[in-house]
N, C-alpha and C. Protein backbone atom coordinates (compact mmCIF):
# COMPACT_ATOMS: atom_id res chain seq x y z
N MET A 1 0.99 -1.33 -0.07
CA MET A 1 0.24 -0.08 0.07
C MET A 1 0.98 1.20 -0.09
N ASN A 2 0.57 2.34 -1.01
CA ASN A 2 1.46 3.34 -0.95
C ASN A 2 0.88 4.40 -0.08
N LEU A 3 1.73 5.53 0.26
CA LEU A 3 1.38 6.46 1.17
C LEU A 3 -0.05 7.15 0.83
N PRO A 4 -0.12 7.71 -0.58
CA PRO A 4 -1.56 8.37 -0.80
C PRO A 4 -2.87 7.49 -0.67
N PHE A 5 -2.66 6.25 -0.76
CA PHE A 5 -3.72 5.29 -0.73
C PHE A 5 -4.18 5.15 0.66
N GLY A 6 -3.05 4.99 1.51
CA GLY A 6 -3.12 4.97 2.94
C GLY A 6 -3.86 6.13 3.65
N MET A 7 -3.29 7.35 3.19
CA MET A 7 -3.86 8.44 3.56
C MET A 7 -5.25 8.60 3.23
N GLY A 8 -5.82 8.29 2.19
CA GLY A 8 -7.07 8.12 1.58
C GLY A 8 -8.01 7.33 2.45
N ILE A 9 -7.58 6.10 2.91
CA ILE A 9 -8.33 5.46 4.03
C ILE A 9 -8.30 6.15 5.47
N PHE A 10 -7.27 6.52 5.66
CA PHE A 10 -7.28 7.36 7.05
C PHE A 10 -8.19 8.52 6.88
N GLY A 11 -8.22 9.37 5.85
CA GLY A 11 -9.26 10.39 5.72
C GLY A 11 -10.64 9.94 5.96
N LEU A 12 -10.90 8.85 5.07
CA LEU A 12 -12.30 8.21 5.36
C LEU A 12 -12.63 7.78 6.77
N VAL A 13 -11.68 7.28 7.28
CA VAL A 13 -11.97 6.93 8.88
C VAL A 13 -12.28 8.10 9.63
N VAL A 14 -11.41 9.04 9.65
CA VAL A 14 -11.48 10.39 10.19
C VAL A 14 -12.94 11.02 9.87
N CYS A 15 -13.64 10.86 8.71
CA CYS A 15 -14.79 11.33 8.24
C CYS A 15 -15.75 10.53 9.04
N ALA A 16 -15.53 9.30 8.96
CA ALA A 16 -16.62 8.31 9.65
C ALA A 16 -16.90 8.79 11.25
N ILE A 17 -15.55 9.10 11.88
CA ILE A 17 -15.61 9.53 13.17
C ILE A 17 -16.46 10.96 13.36
N PHE A 18 -16.11 11.87 12.44
CA PHE A 18 -16.76 13.13 12.61
C PHE A 18 -18.15 12.98 12.42
N THR A 19 -18.41 12.19 11.32
CA THR A 19 -19.95 12.16 10.91
C THR A 19 -20.66 11.58 12.20
N PHE A 20 -20.04 10.45 12.63
CA PHE A 20 -20.83 9.76 13.76
C PHE A 20 -21.10 10.89 15.15
N THR A 21 -19.98 11.59 15.49
CA THR A 21 -20.05 12.44 16.57
C THR A 21 -21.16 13.58 16.18
N ALA A 22 -21.05 13.97 14.88
CA ALA A 22 -21.78 15.33 14.61
C ALA A 22 -23.29 14.85 14.40
N ILE A 23 -23.80 13.69 13.80
CA ILE A 23 -24.96 13.26 13.80
C ILE A 23 -25.54 13.08 15.29
N ARG A 24 -24.63 12.48 16.25
CA ARG A 24 -25.11 12.26 17.54
C ARG A 24 -25.50 13.53 18.21
N GLU A 25 -24.60 14.54 18.03
CA GLU A 25 -24.96 15.87 18.57
C GLU A 25 -26.34 16.58 17.87
N LEU A 26 -26.40 16.48 16.60
CA LEU A 26 -27.47 17.01 15.96
C LEU A 26 -28.84 16.26 16.39
N ARG A 27 -28.94 15.03 16.76
CA ARG A 27 -30.03 14.19 17.37
C ARG A 27 -30.36 14.80 18.75
N ARG A 28 -29.51 15.50 19.37
CA ARG A 28 -29.77 16.09 20.75
C ARG A 28 -30.69 17.26 20.66
N ASN A 29 -30.55 17.88 19.40
CA ASN A 29 -31.50 19.26 19.20
C ASN A 29 -31.44 20.11 19.98
N ARG A 30 -30.33 20.44 20.79
CA ARG A 30 -30.17 21.75 21.78
C ARG A 30 -29.38 22.57 21.01
N PRO A 31 -29.87 23.80 21.01
CA PRO A 31 -29.12 25.04 20.45
C PRO A 31 -27.68 25.36 21.09
N GLY A 32 -26.99 25.90 20.40
CA GLY A 32 -25.59 26.24 21.09
C GLY A 32 -24.39 25.99 20.07
N HIS A 33 -23.33 26.18 20.81
CA HIS A 33 -22.04 25.89 19.96
C HIS A 33 -21.80 24.56 19.45
N ALA A 34 -22.05 23.65 20.15
CA ALA A 34 -21.80 22.26 19.86
C ALA A 34 -22.73 22.03 18.59
N ARG A 35 -24.05 22.41 18.43
CA ARG A 35 -24.82 22.07 17.31
C ARG A 35 -24.41 23.03 16.15
N ASN A 36 -23.86 24.24 16.32
CA ASN A 36 -23.28 24.75 14.98
C ASN A 36 -21.95 24.28 14.56
N ALA A 37 -21.23 23.68 15.51
CA ALA A 37 -19.96 22.96 15.25
C ALA A 37 -20.24 21.53 14.28
N ALA A 38 -21.29 20.98 14.93
CA ALA A 38 -21.74 19.66 14.33
C ALA A 38 -22.15 20.00 12.75
N MET A 39 -23.02 20.93 12.61
CA MET A 39 -23.32 21.29 11.13
C MET A 39 -22.27 21.52 10.32
N ILE A 40 -21.17 22.17 10.96
CA ILE A 40 -19.90 22.65 10.08
C ILE A 40 -19.26 21.40 9.67
N HIS A 41 -19.30 20.55 10.77
CA HIS A 41 -18.43 19.24 10.59
C HIS A 41 -19.26 18.18 9.58
N ILE A 42 -20.47 18.39 9.47
CA ILE A 42 -21.29 17.53 8.42
C ILE A 42 -20.87 18.26 7.03
N ALA A 43 -20.66 19.65 6.86
CA ALA A 43 -20.51 20.31 5.73
C ALA A 43 -18.92 19.87 5.31
N MET A 44 -18.16 19.90 6.30
CA MET A 44 -16.74 19.29 5.95
C MET A 44 -16.50 18.16 5.60
N VAL A 45 -17.09 17.05 6.09
CA VAL A 45 -17.47 15.72 5.54
C VAL A 45 -17.75 15.53 4.30
N ALA A 46 -18.74 16.32 3.81
CA ALA A 46 -19.58 16.41 2.62
C ALA A 46 -18.35 16.70 1.56
N MET A 47 -17.47 17.63 1.96
CA MET A 47 -16.44 18.04 0.88
C MET A 47 -15.34 17.35 0.83
N PHE A 48 -14.94 16.72 2.20
CA PHE A 48 -13.62 15.90 2.22
C PHE A 48 -13.80 14.43 1.65
N VAL A 49 -14.90 13.88 1.75
CA VAL A 49 -15.04 12.39 1.27
C VAL A 49 -15.09 12.17 -0.13
N PRO A 50 -15.44 13.06 -0.94
CA PRO A 50 -15.05 12.95 -2.47
C PRO A 50 -13.90 12.93 -2.78
N PHE A 51 -13.01 13.96 -2.08
CA PHE A 51 -11.56 13.99 -2.26
C PHE A 51 -10.93 12.78 -1.82
N CYS A 52 -11.18 12.10 -0.73
CA CYS A 52 -10.64 10.93 -0.16
C CYS A 52 -10.93 9.71 -1.31
N LEU A 53 -12.06 9.69 -1.82
CA LEU A 53 -12.46 8.77 -2.77
C LEU A 53 -11.81 8.94 -4.00
N TYR A 54 -11.48 10.09 -4.38
CA TYR A 54 -10.64 10.42 -5.86
C TYR A 54 -9.23 9.98 -5.61
N VAL A 55 -8.63 9.97 -4.33
CA VAL A 55 -7.39 9.53 -4.05
C VAL A 55 -7.25 8.17 -3.94
N LEU A 56 -8.21 7.59 -3.46
CA LEU A 56 -8.25 6.02 -3.40
C LEU A 56 -8.17 5.26 -4.72
N ILE A 57 -9.25 6.18 -5.67
CA ILE A 57 -9.24 5.61 -7.10
C ILE A 57 -8.04 5.73 -7.72
N THR A 58 -7.54 6.90 -7.85
CA THR A 58 -6.24 7.30 -8.43
C THR A 58 -4.96 6.84 -8.08
N HIS A 59 -4.92 6.32 -6.78
CA HIS A 59 -3.73 5.81 -6.14
C HIS A 59 -3.96 4.30 -5.83
N ALA A 60 -4.89 3.58 -6.28
CA ALA A 60 -5.15 2.32 -6.05
C ALA A 60 -3.88 1.32 -6.44
N PRO A 61 -3.44 0.55 -5.54
CA PRO A 61 -2.41 -0.41 -5.86
C PRO A 61 -2.67 -1.31 -6.94
């Protein structure tokens, strides 16, 4: 496994963790900083996952 491929996998794992915690916080449905941060994390994941998939496809062993 080469380095870009490994970092693509690592990026997807990080996105999965951020998504899980953000969705858990959004289900609480309490206003405040944590809710705003969770909404930003969902947007970040939506932009970062396609890039990780692109790296995995282009650097597949």
